[in-house]
Amino acid sequence: MSYRSGRFWQPDVTVATVVVRDGRLLVVEEMVRGERVINQPAGHLEPDETLLEAALRETLEETGWEVTLTAFIGAYQWKAPADGRHFLRMAFAAEPLRHHPQRPLDEGIVQALWLSPAELQAESARHRSPLVWRVVDDFLAGRRFPLQALTHCA
């Protein structure tokens, strides 16, 4: 198992949540390389946390919303053309529980927004990656797997 010059390769593992309230999707507007982009609440898996824990943590840190995960939407693999980084995104469906408006948002997050699917799609030029709409499109099409499809072995 080697990759170029004998180094081991592994992708960036990320999580993302599709949170829906009254037909609107919770998204974040964030600064990336000097540009305002739109993304789901998303971020990297940290050491010693499960995928489910990471999804809950990232959603709270980026939006101030506590959520409950309801389903696994899917795993998505993508290579960023700008720098060649590989990403493996684990996407979850979630429902909002409570908002903490006083909570400071993660560095780089400009604001959390509730957009309709049409509004999100209209902003496609500002999506952080093609994964943003792909995950939402799969969610809107009814793609759901039980959370038990993911197993964490301690």
N, C-alpha and C. Protein backbone atom coordinates (compact mmCIF):
# COMPACT_ATOMS: atom_id res chain seq x y z
N MET A 1 0.83 -1.18 0.00
CA MET A 1 0.00 0.00 0.00
C MET A 1 0.88 1.24 0.00
N SER A 2 1.33 1.62 -1.15
CA SER A 2 2.15 2.82 -1.19
C SER A 2 1.59 3.79 -2.20
N TYR A 3 2.00 5.02 -2.07
CA TYR A 3 1.55 6.09 -2.95
C TYR A 3 2.73 7.00 -3.20
N ARG A 4 3.10 7.16 -4.43
CA ARG A 4 4.19 8.07 -4.83
C ARG A 4 5.34 8.10 -3.83
N SER A 5 6.45 7.73 -4.27
CA SER A 5 7.70 7.76 -3.50
C SER A 5 7.59 7.08 -2.14
N GLY A 6 6.76 6.02 -2.06
CA GLY A 6 6.69 5.22 -0.86
C GLY A 6 5.90 5.80 0.30
N ARG A 7 5.30 6.96 0.14
CA ARG A 7 4.50 7.56 1.22
C ARG A 7 3.10 6.97 1.21
N PHE A 8 2.56 6.78 2.40
CA PHE A 8 1.19 6.29 2.51
C PHE A 8 0.24 7.45 2.28
N TRP A 9 -0.79 7.22 1.51
CA TRP A 9 -1.77 8.27 1.18
C TRP A 9 -3.07 8.01 1.92
N GLN A 10 -3.70 9.07 2.39
CA GLN A 10 -5.03 8.95 2.93
C GLN A 10 -5.77 10.26 2.71
N PRO A 11 -7.08 10.16 2.44
CA PRO A 11 -7.86 11.37 2.18
C PRO A 11 -8.22 12.09 3.48
N ASP A 12 -8.64 13.36 3.34
CA ASP A 12 -9.20 14.10 4.46
C ASP A 12 -10.60 13.55 4.70
N VAL A 13 -10.87 13.09 5.91
CA VAL A 13 -12.20 12.58 6.25
C VAL A 13 -12.98 13.73 6.86
N THR A 14 -14.13 14.03 6.25
CA THR A 14 -14.98 15.12 6.73
C THR A 14 -16.39 14.61 6.96
N VAL A 15 -17.13 15.39 7.74
CA VAL A 15 -18.55 15.12 7.99
C VAL A 15 -19.33 16.35 7.58
N ALA A 16 -20.59 16.16 7.23
CA ALA A 16 -21.48 17.27 6.89
C ALA A 16 -22.89 16.89 7.30
N THR A 17 -23.68 17.90 7.65
CA THR A 17 -25.07 17.63 8.01
C THR A 17 -26.01 18.44 7.14
N VAL A 18 -27.10 17.80 6.77
CA VAL A 18 -28.21 18.46 6.09
C VAL A 18 -29.30 18.60 7.15
N VAL A 19 -29.48 19.83 7.62
CA VAL A 19 -30.44 20.13 8.67
C VAL A 19 -31.60 20.87 8.02
N VAL A 20 -32.82 20.38 8.25
CA VAL A 20 -34.00 20.97 7.62
C VAL A 20 -34.98 21.44 8.68
N ARG A 21 -35.50 22.67 8.48
CA ARG A 21 -36.54 23.22 9.35
C ARG A 21 -37.51 23.99 8.45
N ASP A 22 -38.76 23.61 8.50
CA ASP A 22 -39.80 24.28 7.71
C ASP A 22 -39.42 24.38 6.23
N GLY A 23 -38.84 23.30 5.71
CA GLY A 23 -38.49 23.25 4.29
C GLY A 23 -37.23 24.02 3.90
N ARG A 24 -36.54 24.57 4.89
CA ARG A 24 -35.32 25.33 4.62
C ARG A 24 -34.10 24.57 5.15
N LEU A 25 -32.97 24.78 4.50
CA LEU A 25 -31.74 24.07 4.83
C LEU A 25 -30.79 24.97 5.59
N LEU A 26 -30.19 24.44 6.64
CA LEU A 26 -29.20 25.18 7.42
C LEU A 26 -27.85 25.10 6.70
N VAL A 27 -27.32 26.25 6.32
CA VAL A 27 -26.02 26.31 5.66
C VAL A 27 -25.17 27.36 6.35
N VAL A 28 -23.89 27.34 6.04
CA VAL A 28 -22.99 28.36 6.56
C VAL A 28 -22.37 29.12 5.40
N GLU A 29 -22.18 30.39 5.64
CA GLU A 29 -21.39 31.22 4.75
C GLU A 29 -20.05 31.38 5.44
N GLU A 30 -18.97 31.02 4.73
CA GLU A 30 -17.66 31.04 5.35
C GLU A 30 -16.62 31.64 4.40
N MET A 31 -15.54 32.11 4.99
CA MET A 31 -14.44 32.67 4.21
C MET A 31 -13.42 31.56 3.94
N VAL A 32 -13.13 31.35 2.66
CA VAL A 32 -12.13 30.37 2.25
C VAL A 32 -11.24 31.03 1.20
N ARG A 33 -9.97 31.15 1.53
CA ARG A 33 -9.01 31.79 0.63
C ARG A 33 -9.52 33.14 0.11
N GLY A 34 -10.07 33.94 1.04
CA GLY A 34 -10.50 35.28 0.71
C GLY A 34 -11.85 35.40 0.01
N GLU A 35 -12.56 34.29 -0.16
CA GLU A 35 -13.87 34.32 -0.81
C GLU A 35 -14.95 33.81 0.14
N ARG A 36 -16.15 34.41 0.02
CA ARG A 36 -17.31 33.93 0.79
C ARG A 36 -17.93 32.77 0.02
N VAL A 37 -17.95 31.62 0.67
CA VAL A 37 -18.54 30.43 0.05
C VAL A 37 -19.63 29.88 0.94
N ILE A 38 -20.44 29.00 0.37
CA ILE A 38 -21.55 28.37 1.09
C ILE A 38 -21.28 26.87 1.21
N ASN A 39 -21.58 26.34 2.38
CA ASN A 39 -21.34 24.93 2.65
C ASN A 39 -22.40 24.45 3.64
N GLN A 40 -22.55 23.15 3.75
CA GLN A 40 -23.29 22.61 4.88
C GLN A 40 -22.43 22.82 6.11
N PRO A 41 -23.03 22.73 7.30
CA PRO A 41 -22.18 22.62 8.48
C PRO A 41 -21.30 21.38 8.27
N ALA A 42 -20.01 21.57 8.27
CA ALA A 42 -19.11 20.47 7.91
C ALA A 42 -17.72 20.71 8.49
N GLY A 43 -16.96 19.65 8.60
CA GLY A 43 -15.59 19.79 9.07
C GLY A 43 -14.91 18.44 9.17
N HIS A 44 -13.70 18.48 9.66
CA HIS A 44 -12.86 17.29 9.72
C HIS A 44 -13.14 16.43 10.95
N LEU A 45 -13.02 15.15 10.76
CA LEU A 45 -13.06 14.18 11.85
C LEU A 45 -11.81 14.40 12.70
N GLU A 46 -11.99 14.46 14.00
CA GLU A 46 -10.86 14.64 14.90
C GLU A 46 -10.49 13.31 15.55
N PRO A 47 -9.23 13.21 16.02
CA PRO A 47 -8.80 11.95 16.66
C PRO A 47 -9.72 11.57 17.81
N ASP A 48 -9.98 10.30 17.94
CA ASP A 48 -10.74 9.72 19.05
C ASP A 48 -12.20 10.12 19.09
N GLU A 49 -12.78 10.61 17.98
CA GLU A 49 -14.21 10.87 17.96
C GLU A 49 -14.85 10.02 16.87
N THR A 50 -16.12 9.70 17.07
CA THR A 50 -16.84 8.94 16.06
C THR A 50 -17.34 9.89 14.98
N LEU A 51 -17.74 9.33 13.87
CA LEU A 51 -18.31 10.15 12.80
C LEU A 51 -19.55 10.89 13.28
N LEU A 52 -20.38 10.22 14.07
CA LEU A 52 -21.59 10.84 14.59
C LEU A 52 -21.26 11.99 15.53
N GLU A 53 -20.29 11.79 16.41
CA GLU A 53 -19.86 12.86 17.31
C GLU A 53 -19.32 14.05 16.52
N ALA A 54 -18.55 13.77 15.48
CA ALA A 54 -17.98 14.84 14.66
C ALA A 54 -19.07 15.66 13.98
N ALA A 55 -20.10 14.99 13.47
CA ALA A 55 -21.18 15.70 12.79
C ALA A 55 -21.94 16.60 13.77
N LEU A 56 -22.20 16.11 14.96
CA LEU A 56 -22.88 16.93 15.98
C LEU A 56 -22.02 18.11 16.40
N ARG A 57 -20.74 17.86 16.63
CA ARG A 57 -19.81 18.91 17.06
C ARG A 57 -19.67 19.99 16.00
N GLU A 58 -19.42 19.60 14.76
CA GLU A 58 -19.23 20.58 13.70
C GLU A 58 -20.47 21.44 13.48
N THR A 59 -21.64 20.82 13.56
CA THR A 59 -22.87 21.58 13.37
C THR A 59 -23.02 22.63 14.47
N LEU A 60 -22.78 22.25 15.71
CA LEU A 60 -22.87 23.19 16.82
C LEU A 60 -21.82 24.29 16.69
N GLU A 61 -20.57 23.93 16.39
CA GLU A 61 -19.49 24.91 16.32
C GLU A 61 -19.70 25.91 15.18
N GLU A 62 -20.25 25.46 14.07
CA GLU A 62 -20.37 26.34 12.91
C GLU A 62 -21.68 27.11 12.84
N THR A 63 -22.72 26.63 13.54
CA THR A 63 -24.04 27.27 13.41
C THR A 63 -24.66 27.69 14.74
N GLY A 64 -24.18 27.13 15.86
CA GLY A 64 -24.82 27.38 17.14
C GLY A 64 -26.06 26.51 17.36
N TRP A 65 -26.31 25.57 16.46
CA TRP A 65 -27.49 24.70 16.57
C TRP A 65 -27.10 23.32 17.09
N GLU A 66 -27.80 22.87 18.13
CA GLU A 66 -27.76 21.47 18.54
C GLU A 66 -28.75 20.75 17.64
N VAL A 67 -28.35 19.58 17.15
CA VAL A 67 -29.21 18.81 16.27
C VAL A 67 -29.23 17.36 16.73
N THR A 68 -30.19 16.62 16.20
CA THR A 68 -30.20 15.18 16.37
C THR A 68 -30.06 14.56 14.98
N LEU A 69 -29.16 13.61 14.86
CA LEU A 69 -28.95 12.94 13.58
C LEU A 69 -30.06 11.93 13.36
N THR A 70 -30.60 11.92 12.15
CA THR A 70 -31.73 11.03 11.85
C THR A 70 -31.39 9.95 10.83
N ALA A 71 -30.38 10.19 10.00
CA ALA A 71 -30.03 9.20 8.97
C ALA A 71 -28.65 9.49 8.41
N PHE A 72 -28.09 8.50 7.76
CA PHE A 72 -26.84 8.62 7.01
C PHE A 72 -27.24 8.80 5.55
N ILE A 73 -26.81 9.87 4.93
CA ILE A 73 -27.15 10.11 3.53
C ILE A 73 -26.19 9.36 2.61
N GLY A 74 -24.91 9.38 2.93
CA GLY A 74 -23.97 8.64 2.10
C GLY A 74 -22.54 9.10 2.30
N ALA A 75 -21.64 8.40 1.62
CA ALA A 75 -20.21 8.71 1.62
C ALA A 75 -19.87 9.24 0.23
N TYR A 76 -19.12 10.34 0.19
CA TYR A 76 -18.81 11.02 -1.07
C TYR A 76 -17.32 11.25 -1.18
N GLN A 77 -16.76 10.88 -2.30
CA GLN A 77 -15.33 11.04 -2.55
C GLN A 77 -15.14 12.13 -3.59
N TRP A 78 -14.20 13.06 -3.33
CA TRP A 78 -13.98 14.18 -4.24
C TRP A 78 -12.53 14.62 -4.18
N LYS A 79 -11.98 14.98 -5.33
CA LYS A 79 -10.62 15.52 -5.42
C LYS A 79 -10.73 16.99 -5.80
N ALA A 80 -10.20 17.86 -4.96
CA ALA A 80 -10.24 19.30 -5.21
C ALA A 80 -9.28 19.65 -6.34
N PRO A 81 -9.78 20.25 -7.41
CA PRO A 81 -8.89 20.56 -8.53
C PRO A 81 -7.84 21.62 -8.20
N ALA A 82 -8.15 22.51 -7.26
CA ALA A 82 -7.22 23.60 -6.95
C ALA A 82 -5.90 23.10 -6.36
N ASP A 83 -5.98 22.10 -5.49
CA ASP A 83 -4.75 21.65 -4.83
C ASP A 83 -4.56 20.13 -4.85
N GLY A 84 -5.49 19.40 -5.45
CA GLY A 84 -5.35 17.95 -5.56
C GLY A 84 -5.65 17.18 -4.29
N ARG A 85 -6.15 17.88 -3.25
CA ARG A 85 -6.49 17.16 -2.01
C ARG A 85 -7.70 16.28 -2.26
N HIS A 86 -7.68 15.12 -1.60
CA HIS A 86 -8.79 14.17 -1.71
C HIS A 86 -9.61 14.24 -0.43
N PHE A 87 -10.93 14.23 -0.61
CA PHE A 87 -11.84 14.29 0.53
C PHE A 87 -12.79 13.11 0.50
N LEU A 88 -13.07 12.59 1.67
CA LEU A 88 -14.08 11.56 1.86
C LEU A 88 -15.08 12.16 2.85
N ARG A 89 -16.26 12.56 2.34
CA ARG A 89 -17.28 13.23 3.15
C ARG A 89 -18.36 12.24 3.55
N MET A 90 -18.63 12.19 4.84
CA MET A 90 -19.72 11.40 5.38
C MET A 90 -20.87 12.36 5.68
N ALA A 91 -21.99 12.19 5.01
CA ALA A 91 -23.09 13.15 5.13
C ALA A 91 -24.26 12.56 5.90
N PHE A 92 -24.83 13.40 6.75
CA PHE A 92 -25.91 13.00 7.64
C PHE A 92 -27.12 13.91 7.50
N ALA A 93 -28.30 13.36 7.70
CA ALA A 93 -29.52 14.14 7.82
C ALA A 93 -29.72 14.42 9.31
N ALA A 94 -30.25 15.61 9.62
CA ALA A 94 -30.44 15.98 11.02
C ALA A 94 -31.64 16.90 11.17
N GLU A 95 -32.16 16.92 12.39
CA GLU A 95 -33.25 17.84 12.74
C GLU A 95 -32.75 18.77 13.82
N PRO A 96 -33.14 20.06 13.76
CA PRO A 96 -32.69 21.01 14.78
C PRO A 96 -33.39 20.77 16.11
N LEU A 97 -32.64 20.94 17.20
CA LEU A 97 -33.20 20.80 18.55
C LEU A 97 -33.30 22.14 19.25
N ARG A 98 -32.15 22.83 19.37
CA ARG A 98 -32.15 24.15 20.03
C ARG A 98 -30.99 24.98 19.52
N HIS A 99 -31.26 26.29 19.52
CA HIS A 99 -30.26 27.24 19.03
C HIS A 99 -29.61 27.96 20.20
N HIS A 100 -28.32 28.19 20.08
CA HIS A 100 -27.55 28.94 21.07
C HIS A 100 -26.99 30.18 20.38
N PRO A 101 -27.81 31.23 20.23
CA PRO A 101 -27.38 32.40 19.47
C PRO A 101 -26.20 33.15 20.08
N GLN A 102 -25.96 32.97 21.38
CA GLN A 102 -24.85 33.65 22.03
C GLN A 102 -23.52 32.94 21.78
N ARG A 103 -23.57 31.72 21.29
CA ARG A 103 -22.36 30.93 21.08
C ARG A 103 -21.56 31.49 19.91
N PRO A 104 -20.27 31.77 20.12
CA PRO A 104 -19.46 32.24 18.99
C PRO A 104 -19.28 31.12 17.96
N LEU A 105 -19.30 31.49 16.69
CA LEU A 105 -19.15 30.51 15.62
C LEU A 105 -17.66 30.30 15.32
N ASP A 106 -17.35 29.15 14.73
CA ASP A 106 -15.98 28.82 14.38
C ASP A 106 -15.31 29.94 13.58
N GLU A 107 -14.00 30.00 13.71
CA GLU A 107 -13.22 30.95 12.93
C GLU A 107 -13.47 30.73 11.44
N GLY A 108 -13.68 31.80 10.72
CA GLY A 108 -13.93 31.70 9.28
C GLY A 108 -15.41 31.67 8.92
N ILE A 109 -16.26 31.35 9.88
CA ILE A 109 -17.70 31.32 9.60
C ILE A 109 -18.23 32.74 9.69
N VAL A 110 -18.85 33.22 8.62
CA VAL A 110 -19.43 34.55 8.59
C VAL A 110 -20.80 34.53 9.25
N GLN A 111 -21.63 33.55 8.85
CA GLN A 111 -22.97 33.43 9.42
C GLN A 111 -23.59 32.10 9.03
N ALA A 112 -24.59 31.72 9.81
CA ALA A 112 -25.42 30.56 9.47
C ALA A 112 -26.70 31.10 8.85
N LEU A 113 -27.18 30.42 7.82
CA LEU A 113 -28.37 30.85 7.09
C LEU A 113 -29.32 29.69 6.90
N TRP A 114 -30.61 30.00 6.78
CA TRP A 114 -31.61 29.01 6.38
C TRP A 114 -32.04 29.36 4.96
N LEU A 115 -31.72 28.49 4.00
CA LEU A 115 -32.06 28.72 2.61
C LEU A 115 -33.02 27.65 2.11
N SER A 116 -33.90 28.03 1.21
CA SER A 116 -34.72 27.02 0.54
C SER A 116 -33.82 26.24 -0.41
N PRO A 117 -34.22 25.04 -0.82
CA PRO A 117 -33.41 24.32 -1.80
C PRO A 117 -33.17 25.15 -3.07
N ALA A 118 -34.20 25.88 -3.54
CA ALA A 118 -34.04 26.70 -4.75
C ALA A 118 -33.01 27.81 -4.53
N GLU A 119 -33.04 28.43 -3.35
CA GLU A 119 -32.06 29.49 -3.04
C GLU A 119 -30.65 28.92 -2.99
N LEU A 120 -30.49 27.75 -2.38
CA LEU A 120 -29.18 27.11 -2.32
C LEU A 120 -28.68 26.76 -3.72
N GLN A 121 -29.54 26.19 -4.52
CA GLN A 121 -29.14 25.81 -5.88
C GLN A 121 -28.77 27.06 -6.70
N ALA A 122 -29.49 28.16 -6.50
CA ALA A 122 -29.20 29.40 -7.23
C ALA A 122 -27.83 29.96 -6.87
N GLU A 123 -27.30 29.59 -5.72
CA GLU A 123 -25.99 30.05 -5.27
C GLU A 123 -24.88 29.05 -5.62
N SER A 124 -25.10 28.18 -6.58
CA SER A 124 -24.15 27.10 -6.87
C SER A 124 -22.74 27.60 -7.19
N ALA A 125 -22.61 28.78 -7.77
CA ALA A 125 -21.28 29.31 -8.07
C ALA A 125 -20.49 29.60 -6.80
N ARG A 126 -21.19 29.75 -5.67
CA ARG A 126 -20.51 30.02 -4.40
C ARG A 126 -20.40 28.78 -3.50
N HIS A 127 -20.82 27.62 -3.98
CA HIS A 127 -20.70 26.42 -3.16
C HIS A 127 -19.22 26.10 -2.95
N ARG A 128 -18.87 25.70 -1.75
CA ARG A 128 -17.47 25.41 -1.45
C ARG A 128 -16.94 24.28 -2.33
N SER A 129 -17.79 23.33 -2.64
CA SER A 129 -17.41 22.23 -3.53
C SER A 129 -18.68 21.68 -4.16
N PRO A 130 -18.53 20.83 -5.19
CA PRO A 130 -19.71 20.20 -5.79
C PRO A 130 -20.45 19.28 -4.82
N LEU A 131 -19.79 18.92 -3.72
CA LEU A 131 -20.42 18.04 -2.74
C LEU A 131 -21.61 18.71 -2.06
N VAL A 132 -21.60 20.04 -1.97
CA VAL A 132 -22.68 20.75 -1.27
C VAL A 132 -24.03 20.41 -1.91
N TRP A 133 -24.15 20.63 -3.21
CA TRP A 133 -25.44 20.35 -3.86
C TRP A 133 -25.67 18.86 -4.03
N ARG A 134 -24.62 18.10 -4.30
CA ARG A 134 -24.79 16.66 -4.51
C ARG A 134 -25.43 16.00 -3.29
N VAL A 135 -24.94 16.36 -2.10
CA VAL A 135 -25.49 15.80 -0.86
C VAL A 135 -26.94 16.23 -0.68
N VAL A 136 -27.24 17.52 -0.91
CA VAL A 136 -28.62 18.01 -0.76
C VAL A 136 -29.53 17.35 -1.79
N ASP A 137 -29.06 17.23 -3.01
CA ASP A 137 -29.86 16.60 -4.06
C ASP A 137 -30.20 15.16 -3.68
N ASP A 138 -29.23 14.42 -3.17
CA ASP A 138 -29.49 13.04 -2.72
C ASP A 138 -30.49 13.03 -1.56
N PHE A 139 -30.33 13.97 -0.63
CA PHE A 139 -31.25 14.06 0.50
C PHE A 139 -32.67 14.34 0.00
N LEU A 140 -32.81 15.32 -0.90
CA LEU A 140 -34.14 15.68 -1.42
C LEU A 140 -34.78 14.54 -2.21
N ALA A 141 -33.94 13.69 -2.80
CA ALA A 141 -34.43 12.54 -3.55
C ALA A 141 -34.82 11.39 -2.62
N GLY A 142 -34.61 11.56 -1.31
CA GLY A 142 -35.03 10.54 -0.35
C GLY A 142 -33.95 9.56 0.05
N ARG A 143 -32.71 9.82 -0.30
CA ARG A 143 -31.63 8.88 0.03
C ARG A 143 -31.36 8.92 1.53
N ARG A 144 -31.60 7.81 2.19
CA ARG A 144 -31.39 7.70 3.64
C ARG A 144 -30.96 6.27 3.96
N PHE A 145 -29.99 6.17 4.83
CA PHE A 145 -29.57 4.88 5.37
C PHE A 145 -29.62 4.99 6.88
N PRO A 146 -29.87 3.89 7.56
CA PRO A 146 -29.90 3.96 9.03
C PRO A 146 -28.53 4.33 9.58
N LEU A 147 -28.53 5.06 10.68
CA LEU A 147 -27.27 5.43 11.32
C LEU A 147 -26.47 4.19 11.73
N GLN A 148 -27.17 3.10 11.93
CA GLN A 148 -26.50 1.83 12.31
C GLN A 148 -25.65 1.28 11.17
N ALA A 149 -25.75 1.88 9.98
CA ALA A 149 -24.89 1.46 8.87
C ALA A 149 -23.43 1.79 9.15
N LEU A 150 -23.21 2.70 10.09
CA LEU A 150 -21.85 3.09 10.49
C LEU A 150 -21.53 2.44 11.82
N THR A 151 -20.38 1.83 11.88
CA THR A 151 -19.97 1.14 13.11
C THR A 151 -18.67 1.72 13.61
N HIS A 152 -18.64 2.00 14.90
CA HIS A 152 -17.42 2.47 15.55
C HIS A 152 -16.96 1.36 16.49
N CYS A 153 -15.75 0.89 16.30
CA CYS A 153 -15.18 -0.15 17.17
C CYS A 153 -14.15 0.51 18.08
N ALA A 154 -14.40 0.43 19.35
CA ALA A 154 -13.49 1.08 20.32
C ALA A 154 -12.29 0.21 20.59
